[in-house]
Amino acid sequence: MDDVYSPPQGDIAVLHEDHEILIVDKPAGLLSVPGKGAHLSDCLIARLEAAFPTVRLVHRLDRDTSGVMVFALTAFAQKHLGQQFEARKPRKTYLARVAGRLGPSSGTVDLPLIVDWPNRPLQKVCHETGKPAVTDWKVLKANDDETRVRLFPKTGRSHQLRVHMLALGHPILGDPFYAPDTVAAHSRLMLHAEELRLNHPETGRGMTFRAPAPF
């Protein structure tokens, strides 16, 4: 189900840096953290460690997803940011291109998710044992072939946006797991973490970081 891991090369775009936090624009196709096996050792945090030796993980993006990620540079920042994410305080905005015309112009998906064990790492909707998962969405532009949509996850389940869009009947284009028929026509998963709003761990001040979608 998975292809050969061939991560993109080149520099990682740094959006913000201070003595507590580091904000970067993760490229699509690069793991956030190492996978199992030496062939999956190349990842975002390993590359960042060369320039930022104290870098610490706070959250993850799927390998195929691009966009804004925050890393901590101190143990204090890691704990503070971790507590924010656990309390669902950061506001995350994604941009996606999905198959077909999505209507109405906005809405909410409230479907619990759980890992599909026989088909890991896929996730599935399960009303009996799934964990709560909620996504708001707003259409930006649509035609009969595809819809450009902004997604606002209220929870942070694995593959949440991908499964929620699939459940609506509009899978994200280029998704090798949930929309394999569209992969040949698209060079990547059409999902990008466009904006992240959080409170700075030291000052408590609200900060917003953006990276425009490359598609």
N, C-alpha and C. Protein backbone atom coordinates (compact mmCIF):
# COMPACT_ATOMS: atom_id res chain seq x y z
N MET A 1 0.83 -1.20 0.00
CA MET A 1 0.00 0.00 0.00
C MET A 1 0.86 1.25 0.00
N ASP A 2 2.10 1.09 0.47
CA ASP A 2 2.98 2.24 0.53
C ASP A 2 4.01 2.14 -0.58
N ASP A 3 4.49 3.28 -1.06
CA ASP A 3 5.48 3.29 -2.12
C ASP A 3 6.88 3.43 -1.50
N VAL A 4 7.88 3.46 -2.34
CA VAL A 4 9.25 3.63 -1.87
C VAL A 4 9.41 5.03 -1.31
N TYR A 5 10.04 5.12 -0.15
CA TYR A 5 10.22 6.41 0.50
C TYR A 5 11.35 7.17 -0.19
N SER A 6 10.98 8.26 -0.84
CA SER A 6 11.95 9.09 -1.55
C SER A 6 11.67 10.55 -1.20
N PRO A 7 12.10 10.99 -0.02
CA PRO A 7 11.75 12.34 0.46
C PRO A 7 12.38 13.43 -0.39
N PRO A 8 11.73 14.58 -0.47
CA PRO A 8 12.28 15.70 -1.23
C PRO A 8 13.55 16.24 -0.58
N GLN A 9 14.45 16.74 -1.39
CA GLN A 9 15.70 17.32 -0.89
C GLN A 9 15.58 18.84 -0.88
N GLY A 10 16.57 19.50 -0.35
CA GLY A 10 16.54 20.96 -0.30
C GLY A 10 16.36 21.47 1.12
N ASP A 11 16.53 22.77 1.25
CA ASP A 11 16.44 23.41 2.56
C ASP A 11 15.00 23.44 3.08
N ILE A 12 14.87 23.42 4.39
CA ILE A 12 13.57 23.55 5.05
C ILE A 12 13.31 25.04 5.30
N ALA A 13 12.15 25.51 4.88
CA ALA A 13 11.80 26.93 5.07
C ALA A 13 11.47 27.21 6.53
N VAL A 14 12.23 28.11 7.15
CA VAL A 14 11.99 28.53 8.53
C VAL A 14 11.11 29.78 8.50
N LEU A 15 9.97 29.71 9.15
CA LEU A 15 9.01 30.81 9.17
C LEU A 15 9.21 31.74 10.37
N HIS A 16 9.71 31.16 11.47
CA HIS A 16 9.94 31.94 12.68
C HIS A 16 10.91 31.18 13.58
N GLU A 17 11.74 31.94 14.26
CA GLU A 17 12.69 31.32 15.19
C GLU A 17 12.95 32.30 16.34
N ASP A 18 12.85 31.82 17.56
CA ASP A 18 13.31 32.59 18.71
C ASP A 18 13.94 31.60 19.70
N HIS A 19 14.19 32.02 20.91
CA HIS A 19 14.91 31.15 21.83
C HIS A 19 14.05 30.03 22.41
N GLU A 20 12.74 30.04 22.13
CA GLU A 20 11.85 29.01 22.67
C GLU A 20 11.21 28.12 21.60
N ILE A 21 10.87 28.69 20.45
CA ILE A 21 10.12 27.93 19.45
C ILE A 21 10.72 28.11 18.05
N LEU A 22 10.41 27.14 17.21
CA LEU A 22 10.83 27.13 15.81
C LEU A 22 9.61 26.76 14.97
N ILE A 23 9.32 27.59 13.96
CA ILE A 23 8.19 27.33 13.07
C ILE A 23 8.74 27.10 11.67
N VAL A 24 8.35 25.98 11.05
CA VAL A 24 8.84 25.66 9.72
C VAL A 24 7.69 25.28 8.80
N ASP A 25 7.99 25.27 7.52
CA ASP A 25 7.04 24.84 6.48
C ASP A 25 7.50 23.47 6.00
N LYS A 26 6.86 22.41 6.48
CA LYS A 26 7.26 21.05 6.11
C LYS A 26 6.89 20.74 4.67
N PRO A 27 7.83 20.21 3.89
CA PRO A 27 7.47 19.81 2.53
C PRO A 27 6.69 18.50 2.51
N ALA A 28 5.86 18.33 1.51
CA ALA A 28 5.15 17.07 1.34
C ALA A 28 6.16 15.96 1.01
N GLY A 29 5.88 14.77 1.50
CA GLY A 29 6.72 13.63 1.20
C GLY A 29 7.82 13.37 2.20
N LEU A 30 7.95 14.22 3.22
CA LEU A 30 8.99 14.06 4.24
C LEU A 30 8.34 13.68 5.56
N LEU A 31 8.81 12.61 6.17
CA LEU A 31 8.31 12.21 7.48
C LEU A 31 8.61 13.29 8.52
N SER A 32 7.73 13.46 9.49
CA SER A 32 7.98 14.38 10.59
C SER A 32 9.04 13.83 11.53
N VAL A 33 8.96 12.52 11.80
CA VAL A 33 9.90 11.82 12.69
C VAL A 33 10.34 10.54 12.00
N PRO A 34 11.40 9.90 12.47
CA PRO A 34 11.87 8.68 11.80
C PRO A 34 10.83 7.57 11.82
N GLY A 35 10.80 6.79 10.74
CA GLY A 35 9.97 5.61 10.71
C GLY A 35 10.78 4.41 11.19
N LYS A 36 10.19 3.23 11.11
CA LYS A 36 10.88 2.02 11.52
C LYS A 36 11.80 1.54 10.41
N GLY A 37 13.08 1.42 10.73
CA GLY A 37 14.04 0.99 9.72
C GLY A 37 14.93 2.12 9.26
N ALA A 38 16.18 1.76 8.89
CA ALA A 38 17.16 2.77 8.48
C ALA A 38 16.71 3.53 7.24
N HIS A 39 15.93 2.88 6.37
CA HIS A 39 15.48 3.54 5.13
C HIS A 39 14.48 4.65 5.39
N LEU A 40 13.97 4.73 6.62
CA LEU A 40 13.02 5.78 6.98
C LEU A 40 13.59 6.74 8.02
N SER A 41 14.91 6.82 8.06
CA SER A 41 15.56 7.67 9.07
C SER A 41 15.58 9.14 8.68
N ASP A 42 15.55 9.43 7.38
CA ASP A 42 15.54 10.82 6.93
C ASP A 42 14.17 11.43 7.23
N CYS A 43 14.16 12.48 8.05
CA CYS A 43 12.89 13.07 8.46
C CYS A 43 13.12 14.53 8.81
N LEU A 44 12.03 15.23 9.04
CA LEU A 44 12.10 16.67 9.30
C LEU A 44 12.90 16.98 10.56
N ILE A 45 12.60 16.30 11.67
CA ILE A 45 13.28 16.66 12.92
C ILE A 45 14.77 16.33 12.85
N ALA A 46 15.14 15.27 12.13
CA ALA A 46 16.56 14.95 11.98
C ALA A 46 17.29 16.03 11.18
N ARG A 47 16.65 16.55 10.16
CA ARG A 47 17.26 17.62 9.38
C ARG A 47 17.39 18.90 10.20
N LEU A 48 16.37 19.18 11.01
CA LEU A 48 16.41 20.40 11.82
C LEU A 48 17.47 20.33 12.90
N GLU A 49 17.76 19.14 13.39
CA GLU A 49 18.74 18.99 14.46
C GLU A 49 20.13 19.48 14.06
N ALA A 50 20.43 19.45 12.78
CA ALA A 50 21.74 19.92 12.32
C ALA A 50 21.94 21.39 12.61
N ALA A 51 20.88 22.18 12.46
CA ALA A 51 20.97 23.62 12.71
C ALA A 51 20.45 24.02 14.08
N PHE A 52 19.56 23.18 14.63
CA PHE A 52 18.94 23.48 15.93
C PHE A 52 19.08 22.25 16.82
N PRO A 53 20.24 22.07 17.46
CA PRO A 53 20.53 20.84 18.21
C PRO A 53 19.55 20.53 19.33
N THR A 54 18.86 21.55 19.86
CA THR A 54 17.95 21.32 20.99
C THR A 54 16.50 21.13 20.54
N VAL A 55 16.25 21.00 19.25
CA VAL A 55 14.88 20.92 18.74
C VAL A 55 14.13 19.73 19.35
N ARG A 56 12.87 19.97 19.69
CA ARG A 56 12.03 18.96 20.34
C ARG A 56 10.67 18.89 19.66
N LEU A 57 10.14 17.68 19.56
CA LEU A 57 8.87 17.46 18.88
C LEU A 57 7.69 17.94 19.72
N VAL A 58 6.70 18.55 19.07
CA VAL A 58 5.47 18.98 19.73
C VAL A 58 4.26 18.27 19.13
N HIS A 59 4.19 18.22 17.81
CA HIS A 59 3.09 17.56 17.10
C HIS A 59 3.63 17.04 15.77
N ARG A 60 2.78 16.41 14.99
CA ARG A 60 3.22 15.83 13.72
C ARG A 60 2.27 16.21 12.59
N LEU A 61 2.80 16.13 11.38
CA LEU A 61 1.99 16.15 10.18
C LEU A 61 2.26 14.84 9.44
N ASP A 62 1.24 14.32 8.76
CA ASP A 62 1.44 13.13 7.94
C ASP A 62 2.56 13.36 6.94
N ARG A 63 3.22 12.29 6.55
CA ARG A 63 4.30 12.38 5.57
C ARG A 63 3.87 13.13 4.32
N ASP A 64 2.67 12.84 3.84
CA ASP A 64 2.22 13.39 2.56
C ASP A 64 1.65 14.79 2.66
N THR A 65 1.49 15.29 3.89
CA THR A 65 0.94 16.63 4.11
C THR A 65 2.07 17.65 4.26
N SER A 66 1.89 18.81 3.67
CA SER A 66 2.86 19.90 3.81
C SER A 66 2.31 20.95 4.76
N GLY A 67 3.19 21.89 5.15
CA GLY A 67 2.69 23.05 5.86
C GLY A 67 3.31 23.35 7.20
N VAL A 68 2.64 24.23 7.94
CA VAL A 68 3.19 24.84 9.15
C VAL A 68 3.28 23.83 10.29
N MET A 69 4.48 23.74 10.88
CA MET A 69 4.70 22.93 12.08
C MET A 69 5.48 23.74 13.10
N VAL A 70 5.17 23.54 14.37
CA VAL A 70 5.91 24.18 15.45
C VAL A 70 6.77 23.14 16.16
N PHE A 71 8.00 23.51 16.48
CA PHE A 71 8.89 22.69 17.29
C PHE A 71 9.32 23.52 18.48
N ALA A 72 9.59 22.85 19.59
CA ALA A 72 10.13 23.52 20.77
C ALA A 72 11.65 23.49 20.72
N LEU A 73 12.27 24.49 21.32
CA LEU A 73 13.72 24.52 21.43
C LEU A 73 14.21 24.37 22.87
N THR A 74 13.26 24.29 23.80
CA THR A 74 13.59 24.06 25.21
C THR A 74 12.58 23.07 25.79
N ALA A 75 12.95 22.45 26.92
CA ALA A 75 12.04 21.54 27.59
C ALA A 75 10.79 22.28 28.08
N PHE A 76 10.99 23.51 28.54
CA PHE A 76 9.86 24.33 29.01
C PHE A 76 8.86 24.56 27.87
N ALA A 77 9.37 24.95 26.71
CA ALA A 77 8.49 25.22 25.56
C ALA A 77 7.77 23.95 25.12
N GLN A 78 8.48 22.84 25.12
CA GLN A 78 7.86 21.58 24.72
C GLN A 78 6.68 21.22 25.63
N LYS A 79 6.89 21.37 26.94
CA LYS A 79 5.82 21.07 27.89
C LYS A 79 4.64 22.03 27.73
N HIS A 80 4.94 23.31 27.59
CA HIS A 80 3.89 24.33 27.47
C HIS A 80 3.08 24.13 26.19
N LEU A 81 3.77 23.92 25.08
CA LEU A 81 3.08 23.71 23.81
C LEU A 81 2.30 22.39 23.82
N GLY A 82 2.91 21.37 24.43
CA GLY A 82 2.22 20.08 24.52
C GLY A 82 0.91 20.20 25.26
N GLN A 83 0.90 21.00 26.33
CA GLN A 83 -0.32 21.22 27.09
C GLN A 83 -1.35 21.97 26.26
N GLN A 84 -0.90 22.92 25.44
CA GLN A 84 -1.83 23.64 24.56
C GLN A 84 -2.50 22.69 23.58
N PHE A 85 -1.70 21.81 22.96
CA PHE A 85 -2.26 20.87 21.99
C PHE A 85 -3.19 19.86 22.66
N GLU A 86 -2.81 19.43 23.86
CA GLU A 86 -3.66 18.48 24.58
C GLU A 86 -5.01 19.10 24.91
N ALA A 87 -5.00 20.39 25.20
CA ALA A 87 -6.24 21.11 25.53
C ALA A 87 -6.94 21.63 24.28
N ARG A 88 -6.38 21.32 23.09
CA ARG A 88 -6.96 21.74 21.79
C ARG A 88 -7.08 23.25 21.67
N LYS A 89 -6.10 23.96 22.23
CA LYS A 89 -6.12 25.41 22.15
C LYS A 89 -5.60 25.97 20.82
N PRO A 90 -4.56 25.39 20.23
CA PRO A 90 -4.10 25.92 18.93
C PRO A 90 -5.19 25.80 17.88
N ARG A 91 -5.24 26.80 17.01
CA ARG A 91 -6.22 26.79 15.91
C ARG A 91 -5.48 26.47 14.61
N LYS A 92 -5.90 25.39 13.99
CA LYS A 92 -5.23 24.91 12.78
C LYS A 92 -6.15 25.08 11.57
N THR A 93 -5.58 25.57 10.49
CA THR A 93 -6.33 25.74 9.24
C THR A 93 -5.59 25.03 8.12
N TYR A 94 -6.31 24.22 7.37
CA TYR A 94 -5.73 23.48 6.25
C TYR A 94 -6.41 23.88 4.96
N LEU A 95 -5.68 23.72 3.86
CA LEU A 95 -6.24 23.90 2.54
C LEU A 95 -6.19 22.56 1.81
N ALA A 96 -7.26 22.22 1.13
CA ALA A 96 -7.30 20.94 0.42
C ALA A 96 -8.02 21.08 -0.91
N ARG A 97 -7.68 20.19 -1.81
CA ARG A 97 -8.43 20.02 -3.05
C ARG A 97 -9.04 18.63 -3.00
N VAL A 98 -10.36 18.57 -3.12
CA VAL A 98 -11.06 17.29 -3.00
C VAL A 98 -11.81 16.97 -4.29
N ALA A 99 -12.11 15.71 -4.46
CA ALA A 99 -12.78 15.25 -5.68
C ALA A 99 -14.24 15.68 -5.68
N GLY A 100 -14.72 16.10 -6.85
CA GLY A 100 -16.13 16.43 -7.02
C GLY A 100 -16.51 17.78 -6.44
N ARG A 101 -17.78 18.10 -6.60
CA ARG A 101 -18.32 19.37 -6.11
C ARG A 101 -18.87 19.17 -4.70
N LEU A 102 -18.23 19.80 -3.72
CA LEU A 102 -18.63 19.69 -2.32
C LEU A 102 -19.65 20.77 -2.00
N GLY A 103 -20.78 20.36 -1.48
CA GLY A 103 -21.80 21.31 -1.11
C GLY A 103 -22.47 20.86 0.18
N PRO A 104 -23.09 21.78 0.93
CA PRO A 104 -23.21 23.22 0.71
C PRO A 104 -21.88 23.94 0.90
N SER A 105 -21.94 25.26 1.05
CA SER A 105 -20.71 26.05 1.06
C SER A 105 -19.92 25.90 2.35
N SER A 106 -20.53 25.38 3.40
CA SER A 106 -19.82 25.15 4.66
C SER A 106 -20.54 24.08 5.45
N GLY A 107 -19.86 23.54 6.43
CA GLY A 107 -20.49 22.50 7.23
C GLY A 107 -19.53 21.93 8.26
N THR A 108 -19.98 20.90 8.95
CA THR A 108 -19.20 20.23 9.98
C THR A 108 -19.31 18.73 9.82
N VAL A 109 -18.20 18.04 9.94
CA VAL A 109 -18.18 16.58 9.98
C VAL A 109 -17.91 16.17 11.42
N ASP A 110 -18.81 15.40 12.00
CA ASP A 110 -18.67 14.93 13.38
C ASP A 110 -18.79 13.41 13.34
N LEU A 111 -17.66 12.74 13.08
CA LEU A 111 -17.64 11.29 12.95
C LEU A 111 -16.46 10.72 13.73
N PRO A 112 -16.70 9.81 14.67
CA PRO A 112 -15.61 9.24 15.47
C PRO A 112 -14.72 8.33 14.64
N LEU A 113 -13.42 8.34 14.96
CA LEU A 113 -12.44 7.59 14.18
C LEU A 113 -11.65 6.62 15.04
N ILE A 114 -11.23 5.54 14.40
CA ILE A 114 -10.38 4.55 15.05
C ILE A 114 -9.51 3.89 13.99
N VAL A 115 -8.36 3.34 14.41
CA VAL A 115 -7.49 2.69 13.46
C VAL A 115 -8.17 1.45 12.87
N ASP A 116 -7.98 1.26 11.57
CA ASP A 116 -8.50 0.09 10.87
C ASP A 116 -7.42 -1.00 10.96
N TRP A 117 -7.45 -1.78 12.03
CA TRP A 117 -6.33 -2.66 12.37
C TRP A 117 -5.85 -3.57 11.25
N PRO A 118 -6.72 -4.23 10.50
CA PRO A 118 -6.22 -5.09 9.43
C PRO A 118 -5.53 -4.31 8.30
N ASN A 119 -5.80 -3.01 8.24
CA ASN A 119 -5.27 -2.19 7.15
C ASN A 119 -4.46 -1.00 7.68
N ARG A 120 -3.77 -1.19 8.80
CA ARG A 120 -2.95 -0.10 9.34
C ARG A 120 -1.97 0.40 8.29
N PRO A 121 -1.71 1.74 8.23
CA PRO A 121 -2.12 2.78 9.20
C PRO A 121 -3.45 3.45 8.89
N LEU A 122 -4.27 2.85 8.04
CA LEU A 122 -5.55 3.48 7.71
C LEU A 122 -6.43 3.61 8.94
N GLN A 123 -7.26 4.65 8.90
CA GLN A 123 -8.25 4.90 9.95
C GLN A 123 -9.64 4.72 9.34
N LYS A 124 -10.64 4.57 10.21
CA LYS A 124 -12.01 4.40 9.72
C LYS A 124 -12.99 5.02 10.70
N VAL A 125 -14.18 5.30 10.21
CA VAL A 125 -15.26 5.78 11.07
C VAL A 125 -15.84 4.60 11.83
N CYS A 126 -16.00 4.78 13.15
CA CYS A 126 -16.61 3.73 13.96
C CYS A 126 -17.39 4.38 15.10
N HIS A 127 -18.71 4.23 15.07
CA HIS A 127 -19.56 4.88 16.08
C HIS A 127 -19.53 4.14 17.41
N GLU A 128 -19.09 2.90 17.41
CA GLU A 128 -19.06 2.12 18.66
C GLU A 128 -17.79 2.38 19.46
N THR A 129 -16.64 2.33 18.80
CA THR A 129 -15.37 2.41 19.54
C THR A 129 -14.47 3.57 19.11
N GLY A 130 -14.89 4.36 18.15
CA GLY A 130 -14.08 5.46 17.66
C GLY A 130 -13.96 6.60 18.66
N LYS A 131 -12.87 7.37 18.54
CA LYS A 131 -12.67 8.54 19.37
C LYS A 131 -13.29 9.76 18.69
N PRO A 132 -13.84 10.70 19.45
CA PRO A 132 -14.49 11.87 18.86
C PRO A 132 -13.57 12.61 17.88
N ALA A 133 -14.12 13.00 16.75
CA ALA A 133 -13.37 13.73 15.73
C ALA A 133 -14.32 14.69 15.03
N VAL A 134 -13.93 15.96 15.00
CA VAL A 134 -14.80 17.00 14.44
C VAL A 134 -13.99 17.90 13.50
N THR A 135 -14.53 18.16 12.32
CA THR A 135 -13.90 19.02 11.34
C THR A 135 -14.92 19.99 10.76
N ASP A 136 -14.64 21.28 10.81
CA ASP A 136 -15.44 22.27 10.09
C ASP A 136 -14.83 22.49 8.72
N TRP A 137 -15.66 22.82 7.74
CA TRP A 137 -15.13 23.09 6.40
C TRP A 137 -15.87 24.23 5.74
N LYS A 138 -15.15 24.89 4.81
CA LYS A 138 -15.70 26.02 4.06
C LYS A 138 -15.19 25.97 2.64
N VAL A 139 -16.10 25.94 1.70
CA VAL A 139 -15.74 25.87 0.28
C VAL A 139 -15.20 27.22 -0.19
N LEU A 140 -14.09 27.18 -0.92
CA LEU A 140 -13.51 28.39 -1.50
C LEU A 140 -13.85 28.52 -2.99
N LYS A 141 -13.81 27.37 -3.69
CA LYS A 141 -14.09 27.37 -5.12
C LYS A 141 -14.44 25.95 -5.53
N ALA A 142 -15.40 25.79 -6.44
CA ALA A 142 -15.83 24.45 -6.80
C ALA A 142 -16.27 24.37 -8.25
N ASN A 143 -16.02 23.22 -8.85
CA ASN A 143 -16.63 22.87 -10.13
C ASN A 143 -17.01 21.39 -10.06
N ASP A 144 -17.46 20.84 -11.17
CA ASP A 144 -17.93 19.45 -11.12
C ASP A 144 -16.81 18.45 -10.88
N ASP A 145 -15.58 18.84 -11.18
CA ASP A 145 -14.45 17.92 -11.04
C ASP A 145 -13.81 17.95 -9.65
N GLU A 146 -13.69 19.14 -9.07
CA GLU A 146 -13.03 19.24 -7.78
C GLU A 146 -13.46 20.48 -7.01
N THR A 147 -13.17 20.49 -5.73
CA THR A 147 -13.49 21.61 -4.84
C THR A 147 -12.26 22.01 -4.05
N ARG A 148 -12.02 23.29 -3.99
CA ARG A 148 -10.97 23.84 -3.13
C ARG A 148 -11.63 24.24 -1.82
N VAL A 149 -11.16 23.67 -0.72
CA VAL A 149 -11.87 23.82 0.54
C VAL A 149 -10.89 24.11 1.68
N ARG A 150 -11.34 24.92 2.61
CA ARG A 150 -10.54 25.20 3.80
C ARG A 150 -11.10 24.35 4.95
N LEU A 151 -10.21 23.68 5.68
CA LEU A 151 -10.61 22.74 6.72
C LEU A 151 -10.12 23.22 8.08
N PHE A 152 -10.98 23.08 9.07
CA PHE A 152 -10.67 23.54 10.43
C PHE A 152 -10.88 22.38 11.40
N PRO A 153 -9.85 21.57 11.65
CA PRO A 153 -10.02 20.45 12.57
C PRO A 153 -10.16 20.94 14.01
N LYS A 154 -11.16 20.42 14.70
CA LYS A 154 -11.36 20.76 16.11
C LYS A 154 -10.72 19.71 17.02
N THR A 155 -10.38 18.57 16.45
CA THR A 155 -9.66 17.51 17.14
C THR A 155 -8.45 17.15 16.28
N GLY A 156 -7.58 16.32 16.80
CA GLY A 156 -6.35 16.02 16.08
C GLY A 156 -6.12 14.53 15.87
N ARG A 157 -7.13 13.83 15.40
CA ARG A 157 -7.00 12.39 15.16
C ARG A 157 -6.13 12.10 13.93
N SER A 158 -5.50 10.96 13.95
CA SER A 158 -4.69 10.54 12.81
C SER A 158 -5.55 10.42 11.56
N HIS A 159 -5.08 11.01 10.46
CA HIS A 159 -5.77 10.97 9.17
C HIS A 159 -7.17 11.57 9.22
N GLN A 160 -7.44 12.42 10.23
CA GLN A 160 -8.79 12.93 10.42
C GLN A 160 -9.36 13.61 9.19
N LEU A 161 -8.63 14.55 8.62
CA LEU A 161 -9.16 15.30 7.48
C LEU A 161 -9.35 14.39 6.28
N ARG A 162 -8.44 13.46 6.09
CA ARG A 162 -8.51 12.55 4.95
C ARG A 162 -9.74 11.64 5.04
N VAL A 163 -10.00 11.10 6.23
CA VAL A 163 -11.13 10.20 6.40
C VAL A 163 -12.45 10.97 6.41
N HIS A 164 -12.46 12.15 7.02
CA HIS A 164 -13.69 12.93 7.05
C HIS A 164 -14.12 13.37 5.64
N MET A 165 -13.17 13.78 4.82
CA MET A 165 -13.53 14.15 3.45
C MET A 165 -14.00 12.93 2.66
N LEU A 166 -13.35 11.80 2.89
CA LEU A 166 -13.79 10.55 2.25
C LEU A 166 -15.21 10.20 2.66
N ALA A 167 -15.51 10.40 3.94
CA ALA A 167 -16.84 10.08 4.45
C ALA A 167 -17.91 10.95 3.81
N LEU A 168 -17.54 12.16 3.40
CA LEU A 168 -18.48 13.05 2.71
C LEU A 168 -18.64 12.68 1.24
N GLY A 169 -17.81 11.73 0.78
CA GLY A 169 -17.85 11.35 -0.63
C GLY A 169 -16.95 12.20 -1.50
N HIS A 170 -16.03 12.95 -0.86
CA HIS A 170 -15.13 13.84 -1.59
C HIS A 170 -13.70 13.66 -1.08
N PRO A 171 -13.05 12.54 -1.43
CA PRO A 171 -11.70 12.30 -0.92
C PRO A 171 -10.71 13.35 -1.41
N ILE A 172 -9.67 13.56 -0.62
CA ILE A 172 -8.64 14.52 -1.00
C ILE A 172 -7.85 13.97 -2.18
N LEU A 173 -7.67 14.80 -3.19
CA LEU A 173 -6.99 14.38 -4.42
C LEU A 173 -5.54 14.00 -4.14
N GLY A 174 -5.07 12.98 -4.82
CA GLY A 174 -3.69 12.54 -4.68
C GLY A 174 -3.42 11.72 -3.44
N ASP A 175 -4.47 11.29 -2.73
CA ASP A 175 -4.28 10.53 -1.50
C ASP A 175 -4.02 9.06 -1.82
N PRO A 176 -2.81 8.55 -1.53
CA PRO A 176 -2.49 7.16 -1.88
C PRO A 176 -3.25 6.14 -1.05
N PHE A 177 -3.76 6.54 0.11
CA PHE A 177 -4.49 5.62 0.97
C PHE A 177 -5.99 5.61 0.70
N TYR A 178 -6.58 6.77 0.60
CA TYR A 178 -8.03 6.88 0.57
C TYR A 178 -8.59 7.28 -0.80
N ALA A 179 -7.73 7.69 -1.71
CA ALA A 179 -8.18 8.03 -3.06
C ALA A 179 -7.12 7.60 -4.08
N PRO A 180 -6.74 6.32 -4.08
CA PRO A 180 -5.64 5.87 -4.95
C PRO A 180 -5.89 6.11 -6.44
N ASP A 181 -7.16 6.17 -6.83
CA ASP A 181 -7.47 6.39 -8.25
C ASP A 181 -7.04 7.77 -8.73
N THR A 182 -6.81 8.70 -7.80
CA THR A 182 -6.46 10.07 -8.19
C THR A 182 -4.96 10.33 -8.15
N VAL A 183 -4.18 9.36 -7.69
CA VAL A 183 -2.75 9.59 -7.47
C VAL A 183 -2.01 9.88 -8.77
N ALA A 184 -2.34 9.16 -9.82
CA ALA A 184 -1.62 9.32 -11.08
C ALA A 184 -1.78 10.73 -11.65
N ALA A 185 -2.91 11.35 -11.38
CA ALA A 185 -3.18 12.69 -11.93
C ALA A 185 -2.63 13.81 -11.06
N HIS A 186 -2.15 13.47 -9.86
CA HIS A 186 -1.68 14.50 -8.94
C HIS A 186 -0.34 14.08 -8.35
N SER A 187 0.59 15.00 -8.33
CA SER A 187 1.95 14.68 -7.93
C SER A 187 2.10 14.48 -6.43
N ARG A 188 1.07 14.83 -5.65
CA ARG A 188 1.15 14.76 -4.19
C ARG A 188 -0.25 14.77 -3.60
N LEU A 189 -0.34 14.50 -2.31
CA LEU A 189 -1.59 14.67 -1.57
C LEU A 189 -1.91 16.16 -1.53
N MET A 190 -3.10 16.52 -1.94
CA MET A 190 -3.48 17.92 -2.00
C MET A 190 -4.04 18.40 -0.66
N LEU A 191 -3.15 18.37 0.34
CA LEU A 191 -3.51 18.81 1.68
C LEU A 191 -2.34 19.57 2.28
N HIS A 192 -2.62 20.78 2.77
CA HIS A 192 -1.57 21.67 3.26
C HIS A 192 -2.01 22.36 4.54
N ALA A 193 -1.14 22.30 5.57
CA ALA A 193 -1.41 23.01 6.82
C ALA A 193 -1.06 24.48 6.62
N GLU A 194 -2.07 25.27 6.36
CA GLU A 194 -1.90 26.66 5.91
C GLU A 194 -1.61 27.63 7.04
N GLU A 195 -2.23 27.41 8.20
CA GLU A 195 -2.10 28.38 9.28
C GLU A 195 -2.15 27.69 10.64
N LEU A 196 -1.36 28.21 11.57
CA LEU A 196 -1.35 27.70 12.94
C LEU A 196 -1.33 28.88 13.90
N ARG A 197 -2.29 28.91 14.80
CA ARG A 197 -2.36 29.96 15.81
C ARG A 197 -2.14 29.32 17.18
N LEU A 198 -1.23 29.89 17.95
CA LEU A 198 -0.94 29.36 19.28
C LEU A 198 -0.44 30.48 20.18
N ASN A 199 -0.28 30.17 21.46
CA ASN A 199 0.24 31.13 22.42
C ASN A 199 1.72 30.86 22.64
N HIS A 200 2.52 31.92 22.60
CA HIS A 200 3.96 31.74 22.82
C HIS A 200 4.18 31.21 24.25
N PRO A 201 4.98 30.17 24.40
CA PRO A 201 5.14 29.56 25.73
C PRO A 201 5.71 30.48 26.79
N GLU A 202 6.49 31.46 26.40
CA GLU A 202 7.10 32.35 27.39
C GLU A 202 6.22 33.55 27.70
N THR A 203 5.71 34.21 26.68
CA THR A 203 4.95 35.45 26.88
C THR A 203 3.45 35.22 26.99
N GLY A 204 2.96 34.08 26.47
CA GLY A 204 1.52 33.84 26.45
C GLY A 204 0.82 34.57 25.33
N ARG A 205 1.57 35.34 24.56
CA ARG A 205 0.97 36.14 23.48
C ARG A 205 0.52 35.25 22.32
N GLY A 206 -0.67 35.53 21.81
CA GLY A 206 -1.17 34.79 20.67
C GLY A 206 -0.37 35.12 19.42
N MET A 207 0.03 34.09 18.67
CA MET A 207 0.81 34.28 17.45
C MET A 207 0.22 33.44 16.35
N THR A 208 0.25 33.96 15.13
CA THR A 208 -0.27 33.26 13.96
C THR A 208 0.83 33.09 12.93
N PHE A 209 0.97 31.88 12.43
CA PHE A 209 2.00 31.58 11.42
C PHE A 209 1.32 30.98 10.20
N ARG A 210 1.72 31.46 9.02
CA ARG A 210 1.09 31.02 7.77
C ARG A 210 2.13 30.61 6.74
N ALA A 211 1.75 29.67 5.91
CA ALA A 211 2.55 29.28 4.76
C ALA A 211 1.56 29.01 3.62
N PRO A 212 1.63 29.77 2.53
CA PRO A 212 0.66 29.57 1.45
C PRO A 212 0.80 28.19 0.83
N ALA A 213 -0.32 27.66 0.40
CA ALA A 213 -0.32 26.33 -0.22
C ALA A 213 0.44 26.36 -1.54
N PRO A 214 1.24 25.34 -1.82
CA PRO A 214 2.00 25.30 -3.07
C PRO A 214 1.18 24.74 -4.24
N PHE A 215 -0.12 24.59 -4.06
CA PHE A 215 -0.96 24.07 -5.15
C PHE A 215 -2.23 24.90 -5.30
